[in-house]
PDB file of N, CA and C in Angstrom:
ATOM      1  N   MET A   1     -15.593  12.180   5.830  1.00  0.00           N
ATOM      2  CA  MET A   1     -14.130  12.455   5.734  1.00  0.00           C
ATOM      3  C   MET A   1     -13.377  13.450   6.670  1.00  0.00           C
ATOM      4  N   GLY A   2     -14.168  13.799   7.676  1.00  0.00           N
ATOM      5  CA  GLY A   2     -14.011  14.219   8.650  1.00  0.00           C
ATOM      6  C   GLY A   2     -13.180  15.631   8.542  1.00  0.00           C
ATOM      7  N   ASP A   3     -11.856  16.147   7.763  1.00  0.00           N
ATOM      8  CA  ASP A   3     -11.700  17.315   7.567  1.00  0.00           C
ATOM      9  C   ASP A   3     -11.085  17.098   6.033  1.00  0.00           C
ATOM     10  N   ILE A   4     -10.553  18.407   5.616  1.00  0.00           N
ATOM     11  CA  ILE A   4      -9.977  18.713   4.173  1.00  0.00           C
ATOM     12  C   ILE A   4      -8.811  17.768   3.779  1.00  0.00           C
ATOM     13  N   SER A   5      -7.708  17.785   5.101  1.00  0.00           N
ATOM     14  CA  SER A   5      -6.445  16.782   4.616  1.00  0.00           C
ATOM     15  C   SER A   5      -7.002  15.216   4.250  1.00  0.00           C
ATOM     16  N   ASN A   6      -8.309  14.983   4.880  1.00  0.00           N
ATOM     17  CA  ASN A   6      -8.490  13.311   4.276  1.00  0.00           C
ATOM     18  C   ASN A   6      -9.270  13.434   3.126  1.00  0.00           C
ATOM     19  N   GLY A   7      -9.609  14.540   2.752  1.00  0.00           N
ATOM     20  CA  GLY A   7     -10.440  14.352   1.524  1.00  0.00           C
ATOM     21  C   GLY A   7      -9.207  14.615   0.461  1.00  0.00           C
ATOM     22  N   VAL A   8      -8.318  15.731   0.786  1.00  0.00           N
ATOM     23  CA  VAL A   8      -7.375  15.741  -0.379  1.00  0.00           C
ATOM     24  C   VAL A   8      -6.589  14.432  -0.440  1.00  0.00           C
ATOM     25  N   LYS A   9      -6.511  13.599   0.814  1.00  0.00           N
ATOM     26  CA  LYS A   9      -5.750  11.826   0.549  1.00  0.00           C
ATOM     27  C   LYS A   9      -6.777  11.308  -0.189  1.00  0.00           C
ATOM     28  N   LEU A  10      -8.038  11.305  -0.455  1.00  0.00           N
ATOM     29  CA  LEU A  10      -9.037  10.316  -0.774  1.00  0.00           C
ATOM     30  C   LEU A  10      -8.730  10.399  -2.381  1.00  0.00           C
ATOM     31  N   SER A  11      -9.185  11.772  -2.779  1.00  0.00           N
ATOM     32  CA  SER A  11      -8.712  12.500  -3.933  1.00  0.00           C
ATOM     33  C   SER A  11      -7.599  11.684  -4.839  1.00  0.00           C
ATOM     34  N   VAL A  12      -6.545  12.017  -4.126  1.00  0.00           N
ATOM     35  CA  VAL A  12      -5.128  11.706  -4.854  1.00  0.00           C
ATOM     36  C   VAL A  12      -5.331  10.131  -5.024  1.00  0.00           C
ATOM     37  N   HIS A  13      -5.801   9.295  -3.677  1.00  0.00           N
ATOM     38  CA  HIS A  13      -5.661   8.099  -4.380  1.00  0.00           C
ATOM     39  C   HIS A  13      -6.612   7.960  -5.144  1.00  0.00           C
ATOM     40  N   ASP A  14      -7.896   8.079  -5.175  1.00  0.00           N
ATOM     41  CA  ASP A  14      -8.533   7.633  -6.201  1.00  0.00           C
ATOM     42  C   ASP A  14      -7.940   8.104  -7.970  1.00  0.00           C
ATOM     43  N   GLY A  15      -7.700   9.215  -7.468  1.00  0.00           N
ATOM     44  CA  GLY A  15      -7.016   9.722  -8.865  1.00  0.00           C
ATOM     45  C   GLY A  15      -6.248   9.107  -9.536  1.00  0.00           C
ATOM     46  N   VAL A  16      -5.156   8.508  -8.584  1.00  0.00           N
ATOM     47  CA  VAL A  16      -3.778   7.592  -9.245  1.00  0.00           C
ATOM     48  C   VAL A  16      -4.792   6.217  -9.671  1.00  0.00           C
ATOM     49  N   HIS A  17      -5.266   6.049  -8.909  1.00  0.00           N
ATOM     50  CA  HIS A  17      -6.534   4.396  -9.622  1.00  0.00           C
ATOM     51  C   HIS A  17      -6.611   4.680 -10.867  1.00  0.00           C
ATOM     52  N   ASN A  18      -7.202   6.188 -11.113  1.00  0.00           N
ATOM     53  CA  ASN A  18      -7.466   6.351 -12.348  1.00  0.00           C
ATOM     54  C   ASN A  18      -6.299   6.396 -13.426  1.00  0.00           C
ATOM     55  N   LEU A  19      -5.329   6.231 -12.804  1.00  0.00           N
ATOM     56  CA  LEU A  19      -3.997   6.312 -13.962  1.00  0.00           C
ATOM     57  C   LEU A  19      -3.470   4.982 -14.132  1.00  0.00           C
ATOM     58  N   SER A  20      -4.457   3.677 -13.766  1.00  0.00           N
ATOM     59  CA  SER A  20      -4.159   2.651 -13.699  1.00  0.00           C
ATOM     60  C   SER A  20      -3.082   1.954 -12.952  1.00  0.00           C
ATOM     61  N   LEU A  21      -2.910   2.638 -11.842  1.00  0.00           N
ATOM     62  CA  LEU A  21      -1.885   1.905 -10.596  1.00  0.00           C
ATOM     63  C   LEU A  21      -2.612   1.618  -9.427  1.00  0.00           C
ATOM     64  N   HIS A  22      -1.891   0.270  -8.773  1.00  0.00           N
ATOM     65  CA  HIS A  22      -2.492  -0.170  -7.831  1.00  0.00           C
ATOM     66  C   HIS A  22      -1.950   0.072  -6.286  1.00  0.00           C
ATOM     67  N   HIS A  23      -2.491  -0.300  -5.119  1.00  0.00           N
ATOM     68  CA  HIS A  23      -1.934   0.203  -4.078  1.00  0.00           C
ATOM     69  C   HIS A  23      -0.714  -0.577  -4.001  1.00  0.00           C
ATOM     70  N   ALA A  24       0.296   0.351  -2.849  1.00  0.00           N
ATOM     71  CA  ALA A  24       1.605   0.225  -2.741  1.00  0.00           C
ATOM     72  C   ALA A  24       1.593  -1.101  -1.842  1.00  0.00           C
ATOM     73  N   SER A  25       1.935  -2.080  -2.206  1.00  0.00           N
ATOM     74  CA  SER A  25       1.836  -3.281  -0.984  1.00  0.00           C
ATOM     75  C   SER A  25       3.010  -3.638  -0.892  1.00  0.00           C
ATOM     76  N   SER A  26       3.018  -4.384   0.389  1.00  0.00           N
ATOM     77  CA  SER A  26       4.422  -5.082   1.144  1.00  0.00           C
ATOM     78  C   SER A  26       4.106  -6.641   1.334  1.00  0.00           C
ATOM     79  N   ARG A  27       5.171  -7.111   1.309  1.00  0.00           N
ATOM     80  CA  ARG A  27       5.322  -8.443   2.116  1.00  0.00           C
ATOM     81  C   ARG A  27       5.904  -8.801   3.006  1.00  0.00           C
ATOM     82  N   ALA A  28       5.881  -9.614   3.797  1.00  0.00           N
ATOM     83  CA  ALA A  28       6.364  -9.826   5.379  1.00  0.00           C
ATOM     84  C   ALA A  28       6.761 -11.531   5.453  1.00  0.00           C
ATOM     85  N   PHE A  29       7.897 -11.856   5.537  1.00  0.00           N
ATOM     86  CA  PHE A  29       8.503 -12.893   6.057  1.00  0.00           C
ATOM     87  C   PHE A  29       8.928 -13.083   7.406  1.00  0.00           C
ATOM     88  N   THR A  30       8.408 -14.424   8.134  1.00  0.00           N
ATOM     89  CA  THR A  30       8.420 -14.490   9.367  1.00  0.00           C
ATOM     90  C   THR A  30       9.938 -14.623   9.837  1.00  0.00           C
ATOM     91  N   GLY A  31      10.618 -13.839  10.547  1.00  0.00           N
ATOM     92  CA  GLY A  31      11.973 -13.812  11.054  1.00  0.00           C
ATOM     93  C   GLY A  31      12.883 -13.608  10.114  1.00  0.00           C
ATOM     94  N   GLU A  32      12.490 -12.817   9.125  1.00  0.00           N
ATOM     95  CA  GLU A  32      13.938 -12.663   7.939  1.00  0.00           C
ATOM     96  C   GLU A  32      13.621 -11.864   7.519  1.00  0.00           C
ATOM     97  N   ALA A  33      14.596 -10.789   6.823  1.00  0.00           N
ATOM     98  CA  ALA A  33      13.911  -9.753   6.181  1.00  0.00           C
ATOM     99  C   ALA A  33      13.222 -10.052   4.869  1.00  0.00           C
ATOM    100  N   LEU A  34      14.189 -11.302   4.119  1.00  0.00           N
ATOM    101  CA  LEU A  34      13.467 -11.903   2.833  1.00  0.00           C
ATOM    102  C   LEU A  34      13.572 -12.915   2.905  1.00  0.00           C
ATOM    103  N   GLY A  35      12.614 -13.758   2.383  1.00  0.00           N
ATOM    104  CA  GLY A  35      12.055 -15.246   2.760  1.00  0.00           C
ATOM    105  C   GLY A  35      13.001 -16.200   1.634  1.00  0.00           C
ATOM    106  N   ALA A  36      12.893 -17.150   1.768  1.00  0.00           N
ATOM    107  CA  ALA A  36      13.669 -18.101   0.832  1.00  0.00           C
ATOM    108  C   ALA A  36      12.645 -18.248  -0.047  1.00  0.00           C
ATOM    109  N   VAL A  37      13.597 -18.451  -1.294  1.00  0.00           N
ATOM    110  CA  VAL A  37      12.680 -19.057  -2.534  1.00  0.00           C
ATOM    111  C   VAL A  37      11.548 -19.617  -2.953  1.00  0.00           C
ATOM    112  N   GLY A  38      10.863 -18.998  -3.113  1.00  0.00           N
ATOM    113  CA  GLY A  38       9.624 -20.104  -3.060  1.00  0.00           C
ATOM    114  C   GLY A  38       8.663 -19.768  -1.612  1.00  0.00           C
ATOM    115  N   THR A  39       9.031 -18.980  -0.877  1.00  0.00           N
ATOM    116  CA  THR A  39       8.431 -18.610   0.333  1.00  0.00           C
ATOM    117  C   THR A  39       7.145 -17.478  -0.496  1.00  0.00           C
ATOM    118  N   ALA A  40       6.200 -17.739   0.207  1.00  0.00           N
ATOM    119  CA  ALA A  40       4.837 -16.551  -0.679  1.00  0.00           C
ATOM    120  C   ALA A  40       5.177 -15.414   0.570  1.00  0.00           C
ATOM    121  N   GLY A  41       5.189 -15.690   2.049  1.00  0.00           N
ATOM    122  CA  GLY A  41       5.288 -14.548   2.867  1.00  0.00           C
ATOM    123  C   GLY A  41       3.791 -14.139   3.031  1.00  0.00           C
ATOM    124  N   THR A  42       3.662 -13.071   3.614  1.00  0.00           N
ATOM    125  CA  THR A  42       2.547 -12.417   4.076  1.00  0.00           C
ATOM    126  C   THR A  42       2.005 -10.834   3.158  1.00  0.00           C
ATOM    127  N   LEU A  43       0.877 -11.173   2.470  1.00  0.00           N
ATOM    128  CA  LEU A  43       1.009  -9.843   1.450  1.00  0.00           C
ATOM    129  C   LEU A  43      -0.005  -8.640   2.316  1.00  0.00           C
ATOM    130  N   ASN A  44       0.356  -7.474   2.366  1.00  0.00           N
ATOM    131  CA  ASN A  44      -0.364  -6.575   3.090  1.00  0.00           C
ATOM    132  C   ASN A  44      -0.786  -5.746   1.716  1.00  0.00           C
ATOM    133  N   GLU A  45      -2.053  -5.289   1.572  1.00  0.00           N
ATOM    134  CA  GLU A  45      -2.263  -4.800   0.320  1.00  0.00           C
ATOM    135  C   GLU A  45      -1.855  -3.106   0.217  1.00  0.00           C
ATOM    136  N   TYR A  46      -2.412  -2.736   1.404  1.00  0.00           N
ATOM    137  CA  TYR A  46      -2.016  -1.448   1.962  1.00  0.00           C
ATOM    138  C   TYR A  46      -0.316  -1.121   2.936  1.00  0.00           C
ATOM    139  N   GLY A  47       0.260  -1.905   2.343  1.00  0.00           N
ATOM    140  CA  GLY A  47       1.633  -1.973   3.050  1.00  0.00           C
ATOM    141  C   GLY A  47       2.589  -0.638   3.495  1.00  0.00           C
ATOM    142  N   ASP A  48       2.439  -0.080   2.832  1.00  0.00           N
ATOM    143  CA  ASP A  48       3.435   1.144   2.551  1.00  0.00           C
ATOM    144  C   ASP A  48       2.953   2.491   3.300  1.00  0.00           C
ATOM    145  N   PRO A  49       3.058   2.643   4.014  1.00  0.00           N
ATOM    146  CA  PRO A  49       2.218   3.828   5.108  1.00  0.00           C
ATOM    147  C   PRO A  49       3.030   5.026   4.350  1.00  0.00           C
ATOM    148  N   PHE A  50       4.079   5.401   3.894  1.00  0.00           N
ATOM    149  CA  PHE A  50       4.584   6.549   3.057  1.00  0.00           C
ATOM    150  C   PHE A  50       4.101   6.741   1.798  1.00  0.00           C
ATOM    151  N   SER A  51       3.500   6.008   1.106  1.00  0.00           N
ATOM    152  CA  SER A  51       2.747   6.425  -0.144  1.00  0.00           C
ATOM    153  C   SER A  51       1.390   6.754  -0.157  1.00  0.00           C
ATOM    154  N   THR A  52       1.082   7.283  -0.893  1.00  0.00           N
ATOM    155  CA  THR A  52      -0.342   7.824  -1.215  1.00  0.00           C
ATOM    156  C   THR A  52      -1.257   6.601  -1.250  1.00  0.00           C
ATOM    157  N   MET A  53      -0.830   5.490  -1.958  1.00  0.00           N
ATOM    158  CA  MET A  53      -1.266   4.536  -2.596  1.00  0.00           C
ATOM    159  C   MET A  53      -1.288   3.480  -1.294  1.00  0.00           C
ATOM    160  N   GLY A  54      -0.627   3.615  -0.448  1.00  0.00           N
ATOM    161  CA  GLY A  54      -0.484   2.559   0.881  1.00  0.00           C
ATOM    162  C   GLY A  54      -1.301   3.164   1.911  1.00  0.00           C
ATOM    163  N   THR A  55      -2.177   4.021   2.095  1.00  0.00           N
ATOM    164  CA  THR A  55      -3.131   4.397   3.224  1.00  0.00           C
ATOM    165  C   THR A  55      -4.154   4.762   2.702  1.00  0.00           C
TER     166      THR A  55
END
């Protein structure tokens, strides 16, 4: 874990999984803020760097 702050982050992340929550994902679309209807885009499972569930 390296240091205590990494241990805290890991404990909180896994504790939230125990509450049945998933990772904070994001979806990116090439060249546009939002894609056209029906466009899948690219999914990043850990896409929110500001959420405990995204890191």
